[in-house]
């Protein structure tokens, strides 16, 4: 947050911005851009970076600066990220705490009635609602949770790219980065991905995954860009990605690490099967039997959802999400 605040202050001095009155019934035109939805630590920065650097989609500025855990950059618009902080803190929520309690209507009402700070949102909306910004890209994992608050504030209905990563990989990454127990990381994976799918159900959606991008970054991003235009009516990308851009941006060690995890996973026993999707056991560091039981319970729920993403079942209208 300090990094974002410094970037924001360096970029601009806040001036008075005229408040935008929102007409919820206003007719929408073609998509001006799209929102990348995906859980934290799920490859959204890599995907957004390929789309920005390779295709020329416009992420706006200022962007969060690269950091030790994301040296290629986050591609997140600072005022939008900071406004998401405001929307969440209003309801005593942050990105990793009580996200399932978020009510988009409460946040929108507070925004429209000036009960919260809005100048950051106004700065973001000045970019997102500007014809000259098309085709724009907006990316912040918290948009999985807050997106329904933003939609009435946009002049056009955005498209969505939804991407996901294997839940144990995400939980292990969060444990390394944040010190979260695996159970907490797995719960967050379920809540974020469930919110992303439900909140984008009525939008034009292009589906991908971290595995698909890593396996063929050139081909997968070309497919995504094509569907954004042909399926979702997003303006065509200003340029076309090439292999040189992919090679300069994608860290080949990511696929190497994934192959190592896959080899280690092959030694584990099978716990469940969902069609062609096999759920394997994993090495837990949880010491207490009760803690291990809770961890395993949430792991199996997360993996069932993951398998249903792989098969496409989780996108069906009557899909039954597990009780938490």
Protein backbone atom coordinates (compact mmCIF):
# COMPACT_ATOMS: atom_id res chain seq x y z
CA UNK A 1 0.00 0.00 0.00
CA UNK A 2 2.90 2.37 0.71
CA UNK A 3 4.25 1.61 -2.75
CA UNK A 4 0.89 2.44 -4.33
CA UNK A 5 0.57 5.67 -2.34
CA UNK A 6 4.06 6.79 -3.39
CA UNK A 7 3.31 5.98 -7.04
CA UNK A 8 0.05 7.88 -6.84
CA UNK A 9 1.60 10.98 -5.27
CA UNK A 10 4.47 10.95 -7.73
CA UNK A 11 2.14 10.69 -10.70
CA UNK A 12 -0.28 13.51 -9.99
CA UNK A 13 -1.47 16.14 -7.60
CA UNK A 14 -5.11 15.60 -6.82
CA UNK A 15 -7.31 18.33 -8.24
CA UNK A 16 -11.03 18.80 -8.08
CA UNK A 17 -12.79 16.26 -10.26
CA UNK A 18 -16.38 16.71 -11.27
CA UNK A 19 -18.59 13.97 -9.80
CA UNK A 20 -20.12 11.60 -12.35
CA UNK A 21 -23.85 11.04 -12.00
CA UNK A 22 -24.71 7.46 -12.93
CA UNK A 23 -27.82 6.43 -14.79
CA UNK A 24 -28.19 2.69 -14.17
CA UNK A 25 -30.66 2.43 -17.08
CA UNK A 26 -28.38 4.06 -19.62
CA UNK A 27 -28.03 1.96 -22.74
CA UNK A 28 -24.63 0.32 -23.12
CA UNK A 29 -22.58 0.40 -26.33
CA UNK A 30 -19.80 -1.89 -27.49
CA UNK A 31 -17.29 -2.98 -24.86
CA UNK A 32 -14.64 -0.34 -24.36
CA UNK A 33 -12.35 -2.88 -22.77
CA UNK A 34 -12.15 -5.83 -20.46
CA UNK A 35 -11.44 -6.84 -16.86
CA UNK A 36 -9.03 -9.66 -16.03
CA UNK A 37 -10.49 -11.69 -13.18
CA UNK A 38 -8.54 -14.25 -11.21
CA UNK A 39 -7.42 -15.06 -7.69
CA UNK A 40 -4.20 -13.60 -6.30
CA UNK A 41 -1.08 -15.63 -7.23
CA UNK A 42 -2.89 -17.14 -10.21
CA UNK A 43 -0.89 -15.70 -13.10
CA UNK A 44 -3.08 -12.66 -13.74
CA UNK A 45 -0.05 -10.34 -13.87
CA UNK A 46 1.69 -12.52 -16.45
CA UNK A 47 -1.46 -12.72 -18.56
CA UNK A 48 -2.15 -8.99 -18.30
CA UNK A 49 1.48 -8.23 -19.13
CA UNK A 50 1.38 -10.35 -22.28
CA UNK A 51 -1.83 -8.63 -23.37
CA UNK A 52 -0.44 -5.16 -22.73
CA UNK A 53 3.09 -5.66 -24.08
CA UNK A 54 2.15 -8.05 -26.87
CA UNK A 55 -1.17 -6.66 -28.10
CA UNK A 56 -1.10 -3.05 -26.96
CA UNK A 57 -4.19 -3.10 -24.73
CA UNK A 58 -4.26 0.03 -22.59
CA UNK A 59 -3.91 -0.43 -18.79
CA UNK A 60 -3.85 3.30 -18.02
CA UNK A 61 -1.50 5.01 -15.58
CA UNK A 62 -0.10 5.21 -13.00
CA UNK A 63 0.44 1.48 -12.54
CA UNK A 64 1.69 -0.27 -9.42
CA UNK A 65 5.43 -0.55 -9.76
CA UNK A 66 7.18 -3.93 -10.10
CA UNK A 67 8.27 -5.54 -6.83
CA UNK A 68 10.51 -8.35 -5.62
CA UNK A 69 7.71 -10.89 -5.98
CA UNK A 70 6.59 -9.60 -9.37
CA UNK A 71 9.54 -8.13 -11.22
CA UNK A 72 7.75 -7.87 -14.58
CA UNK A 73 5.00 -5.71 -13.10
CA UNK A 74 1.42 -6.03 -11.85
CA UNK A 75 -0.38 -4.01 -14.57
CA UNK A 76 -2.81 -2.67 -11.98
CA UNK A 77 -4.17 0.88 -12.18
CA UNK A 78 -3.28 2.59 -8.89
CA UNK A 79 -6.46 4.68 -8.40
CA UNK A 80 -8.69 1.66 -9.09
CA UNK A 81 -6.73 -0.51 -6.65
CA UNK A 82 -6.87 2.16 -3.94
CA UNK A 83 -10.61 2.64 -4.50
CA UNK A 84 -11.11 -1.09 -4.08
CA UNK A 85 -9.37 -0.69 -0.71
CA UNK A 86 -11.94 1.96 0.18
CA UNK A 87 -14.89 -0.16 -0.98
CA UNK A 88 -13.67 -3.09 1.10
CA UNK A 89 -12.63 -1.22 4.24
CA UNK A 90 -16.10 0.34 4.38
CA UNK A 91 -17.38 -3.16 5.14
CA UNK A 92 -14.46 -4.14 7.42
CA UNK A 93 -12.95 -6.30 4.69
CA UNK A 94 -9.55 -6.52 3.07
CA UNK A 95 -8.23 -8.67 0.23
CA UNK A 96 -7.62 -11.66 2.51
CA UNK A 97 -10.21 -11.16 5.26
CA UNK A 98 -14.01 -11.61 5.16
CA UNK A 99 -14.21 -11.19 1.36
CA UNK A 100 -17.34 -13.36 1.26
CA UNK A 101 -19.17 -10.66 3.24
CA UNK A 102 -18.72 -7.99 0.57
CA UNK A 103 -21.97 -6.37 -0.60
CA UNK A 104 -21.55 -4.45 -3.88
CA UNK A 105 -24.76 -2.49 -3.35
CA UNK A 106 -23.60 -1.18 0.03
CA UNK A 107 -20.40 0.09 -1.55
CA UNK A 108 -22.21 1.63 -4.53
CA UNK A 109 -24.73 3.39 -2.28
CA UNK A 110 -21.92 4.81 -0.15
CA UNK A 111 -20.18 5.97 -3.33
CA UNK A 112 -23.24 7.65 -4.83
CA UNK A 113 -24.11 9.34 -1.52
CA UNK A 114 -20.53 10.55 -0.96
CA UNK A 115 -20.22 8.60 2.29
CA UNK A 116 -16.72 7.47 1.27
CA UNK A 117 -13.80 8.98 -0.59
CA UNK A 118 -14.45 8.84 -4.34
CA UNK A 119 -11.65 10.84 -5.95
CA UNK A 120 -9.61 7.74 -6.76
CA UNK A 121 -12.58 6.10 -8.47
CA UNK A 122 -13.19 9.32 -10.39
CA UNK A 123 -9.60 9.25 -11.61
CA UNK A 124 -9.96 5.61 -12.70
CA UNK A 125 -13.33 6.29 -14.35
CA UNK A 126 -11.91 9.28 -16.21
CA UNK A 127 -9.65 6.75 -17.92
CA UNK A 128 -12.09 3.83 -18.26
CA UNK A 129 -14.91 5.98 -19.65
CA UNK A 130 -12.70 7.85 -22.12
CA UNK A 131 -13.13 6.90 -25.79
CA UNK A 132 -9.42 7.49 -26.31
CA UNK A 133 -8.58 4.74 -23.79
CA UNK A 134 -10.10 1.93 -25.88
CA UNK A 135 -9.36 -0.90 -25.86
CA UNK A 136 -8.53 -0.74 -22.15
CA UNK A 137 -7.52 -3.49 -19.74
CA UNK A 138 -8.34 -3.40 -16.03
CA UNK A 139 -6.72 -5.88 -13.67
CA UNK A 140 -6.83 -6.25 -9.89
CA UNK A 141 -7.64 -9.62 -8.26
CA UNK A 142 -9.97 -7.81 -5.86
CA UNK A 143 -12.19 -7.04 -8.85
CA UNK A 144 -13.38 -10.64 -8.43
CA UNK A 145 -15.07 -9.33 -5.28
CA UNK A 146 -15.84 -5.67 -6.10
CA UNK A 147 -16.65 -5.70 -9.82
CA UNK A 148 -20.43 -5.43 -9.40
CA UNK A 149 -19.88 -2.10 -7.62
CA UNK A 150 -17.94 -0.77 -10.61
CA UNK A 151 -20.25 -1.92 -13.41
CA UNK A 152 -22.92 0.80 -13.03
CA UNK A 153 -20.15 3.41 -13.07
CA UNK A 154 -18.87 2.39 -16.51
CA UNK A 155 -20.24 3.86 -19.73
CA UNK A 156 -19.99 0.51 -21.54
CA UNK A 157 -20.37 -3.04 -20.37
CA UNK A 158 -16.91 -4.61 -20.14
CA UNK A 159 -15.90 -8.05 -21.29
CA UNK A 160 -14.17 -10.37 -18.82
CA UNK A 161 -11.20 -12.69 -19.04
CA UNK A 162 -11.42 -15.28 -16.29
CA UNK A 163 -8.33 -17.29 -15.46
CA UNK A 164 -7.54 -19.75 -12.67
CA UNK A 165 -4.64 -21.73 -11.25
CA UNK A 166 -4.50 -25.07 -9.42
CA UNK A 167 -5.61 -24.30 -5.83
CA UNK A 168 -2.76 -26.00 -3.98
CA UNK A 169 -0.22 -24.05 -6.07
CA UNK A 170 -1.96 -20.82 -5.07
CA UNK A 171 -2.15 -21.80 -1.40
CA UNK A 172 1.54 -22.75 -1.33
CA UNK A 173 2.44 -19.43 -2.97
CA UNK A 174 0.39 -17.52 -0.37
CA UNK A 175 2.04 -19.51 2.41
CA UNK A 176 5.48 -18.56 1.09
CA UNK A 177 4.60 -14.92 0.42
CA UNK A 178 2.20 -14.11 3.28
CA UNK A 179 2.74 -16.89 5.78
CA UNK A 180 -0.87 -18.05 5.41
CA UNK A 181 -1.78 -21.59 6.50
CA UNK A 182 -2.76 -23.76 3.54
CA UNK A 183 -6.34 -23.93 4.75
CA UNK A 184 -6.68 -20.15 4.60
CA UNK A 185 -5.16 -19.96 1.14
CA UNK A 186 -7.49 -22.69 -0.14
CA UNK A 187 -10.53 -20.93 1.33
CA UNK A 188 -9.52 -17.69 -0.34
CA UNK A 189 -9.09 -19.56 -3.63
CA UNK A 190 -12.68 -20.83 -3.40
CA UNK A 191 -14.18 -17.47 -2.44
CA UNK A 192 -12.35 -15.48 -5.12
CA UNK A 193 -13.03 -17.89 -7.94
CA UNK A 194 -16.65 -18.36 -6.96
CA UNK A 195 -17.16 -14.59 -6.83
CA UNK A 196 -15.42 -14.11 -10.17
CA UNK A 197 -17.63 -16.65 -11.95
CA UNK A 198 -20.89 -15.53 -10.37
CA UNK A 199 -20.20 -11.80 -10.75
CA UNK A 200 -19.32 -12.17 -14.43
CA UNK A 201 -22.11 -14.58 -15.40
CA UNK A 202 -24.07 -11.93 -17.33
CA UNK A 203 -21.02 -10.50 -19.11
CA UNK A 204 -19.26 -11.69 -22.22
CA UNK A 205 -16.54 -13.92 -20.85
CA UNK A 206 -13.36 -15.40 -22.32
CA UNK A 207 -12.04 -18.36 -20.32
CA UNK A 208 -8.42 -19.34 -19.81
CA UNK A 209 -6.13 -20.83 -17.16
CA UNK A 210 -2.61 -20.45 -15.87
CA UNK A 211 -1.79 -23.91 -17.25
CA UNK A 212 -3.01 -22.95 -20.72
CA UNK A 213 -0.99 -19.73 -20.80
CA UNK A 214 2.22 -21.40 -19.59
CA UNK A 215 1.82 -24.31 -22.03
CA UNK A 216 1.45 -22.07 -25.08
CA UNK A 217 1.65 -18.34 -24.25
CA UNK A 218 1.73 -17.26 -27.88
CA UNK A 219 -1.19 -19.37 -29.06
CA UNK A 220 -3.32 -18.91 -25.94
CA UNK A 221 -3.03 -15.12 -25.87
CA UNK A 222 -3.81 -14.93 -29.60
CA UNK A 223 -6.94 -16.98 -28.98
CA UNK A 224 -7.95 -14.73 -26.08
CA UNK A 225 -7.44 -11.54 -28.11
CA UNK A 226 -9.41 -12.99 -31.00
CA UNK A 227 -12.36 -13.96 -28.78
CA UNK A 228 -12.37 -10.56 -27.10
CA UNK A 229 -13.09 -8.99 -30.48
CA UNK A 230 -15.15 -11.61 -32.30
CA UNK A 231 -17.17 -12.82 -29.32
CA UNK A 232 -17.25 -9.85 -26.95
CA UNK A 233 -17.13 -6.84 -29.29
CA UNK A 234 -14.00 -5.35 -27.72
CA UNK A 235 -12.16 -3.12 -30.23
CA UNK A 236 -9.33 -4.97 -32.01
CA UNK A 237 -5.93 -4.90 -30.35
CA UNK A 238 -3.56 -2.21 -31.68
CA UNK A 239 -0.88 -4.79 -32.51
CA UNK A 240 -0.20 -8.52 -32.63
CA UNK A 241 2.05 -10.40 -30.23
CA UNK A 242 5.18 -12.17 -31.47
CA UNK A 243 7.49 -14.83 -30.04
CA UNK A 244 10.13 -12.26 -29.14
CA UNK A 245 7.71 -10.54 -26.76
CA UNK A 246 6.73 -13.86 -25.22
CA UNK A 247 10.37 -14.86 -24.70
CA UNK A 248 11.18 -11.54 -23.05
CA UNK A 249 8.20 -11.64 -20.73
CA UNK A 250 7.44 -15.23 -19.72
CA UNK A 251 9.73 -16.70 -17.07
CA UNK A 252 10.61 -20.20 -18.32
CA UNK A 253 11.32 -21.30 -14.73
CA UNK A 254 7.58 -21.12 -14.05
CA UNK A 255 6.92 -24.04 -16.38
CA UNK A 256 9.99 -25.83 -14.98
CA UNK A 257 8.68 -25.46 -11.43
CA UNK A 258 5.27 -26.67 -12.54
CA UNK A 259 6.86 -29.77 -14.07
CA UNK A 260 8.71 -30.44 -10.81
CA UNK A 261 5.46 -30.19 -8.86
CA UNK A 262 3.77 -32.50 -11.35
CA UNK A 263 6.55 -35.08 -10.94
CA UNK A 264 6.27 -34.90 -7.15
CA UNK A 265 2.47 -35.12 -7.40
CA UNK A 266 2.78 -38.35 -9.40
CA UNK A 267 4.08 -40.10 -6.29
CA UNK A 268 1.02 -39.22 -4.21
CA UNK A 269 -2.00 -41.45 -3.77
CA UNK A 270 -5.28 -40.76 -5.56
CA UNK A 271 -7.97 -39.28 -3.30
CA UNK A 272 -10.77 -38.59 -5.75
CA UNK A 273 -11.59 -38.61 -9.46
CA UNK A 274 -13.92 -36.19 -11.23
CA UNK A 275 -14.18 -37.41 -14.78
CA UNK A 276 -10.68 -37.20 -16.25
CA UNK A 277 -9.50 -34.96 -13.42
CA UNK A 278 -7.56 -36.78 -10.70
CA UNK A 279 -7.14 -35.37 -7.19
CA UNK A 280 -3.91 -36.43 -5.48
CA UNK A 281 -2.85 -36.23 -1.86
CA UNK A 282 -0.16 -33.74 -0.82
CA UNK A 283 2.51 -33.34 1.85
CA UNK A 284 0.98 -31.38 4.71
CA UNK A 285 2.88 -29.60 7.46
CA UNK A 286 -0.23 -29.41 9.65
CA UNK A 287 0.63 -31.09 12.95
CA UNK A 288 -2.73 -31.53 14.66
CA UNK A 289 -5.16 -34.23 13.46
CA UNK A 290 -8.06 -31.76 13.61
CA UNK A 291 -6.10 -29.17 11.64
CA UNK A 292 -5.17 -31.77 9.03
CA UNK A 293 -8.80 -32.83 8.75
CA UNK A 294 -9.95 -29.22 8.19
CA UNK A 295 -7.17 -28.66 5.68
CA UNK A 296 -8.04 -31.80 3.74
CA UNK A 297 -11.74 -30.99 3.76
CA UNK A 298 -11.23 -27.57 2.18
CA UNK A 299 -8.61 -28.97 -0.21
CA UNK A 300 -11.06 -31.53 -1.59
CA UNK A 301 -13.71 -28.84 -2.05
CA UNK A 302 -11.26 -26.59 -3.88
CA UNK A 303 -10.05 -29.41 -6.09
CA UNK A 304 -13.60 -30.38 -7.00
CA UNK A 305 -14.16 -26.81 -8.22
CA UNK A 306 -10.85 -26.87 -10.06
CA UNK A 307 -11.85 -30.08 -11.84
CA UNK A 308 -15.18 -28.50 -12.72
CA UNK A 309 -13.34 -25.51 -14.20
CA UNK A 310 -11.30 -27.93 -16.29
CA UNK A 311 -14.43 -29.69 -17.58
CA UNK A 312 -16.49 -26.50 -17.91
CA UNK A 313 -19.15 -27.68 -15.45
CA UNK A 314 -18.48 -24.80 -13.02
CA UNK A 315 -19.70 -22.28 -15.61
CA UNK A 316 -23.14 -23.85 -15.89
CA UNK A 317 -26.01 -21.73 -14.61
CA UNK A 318 -27.20 -24.32 -12.08
CA UNK A 319 -23.74 -25.21 -10.76
CA UNK A 320 -23.77 -26.02 -7.05
CA UNK A 321 -20.92 -24.37 -5.18
CA UNK A 322 -19.79 -26.12 -1.98
CA UNK A 323 -20.98 -24.84 1.36
CA UNK A 324 -18.29 -23.06 3.36
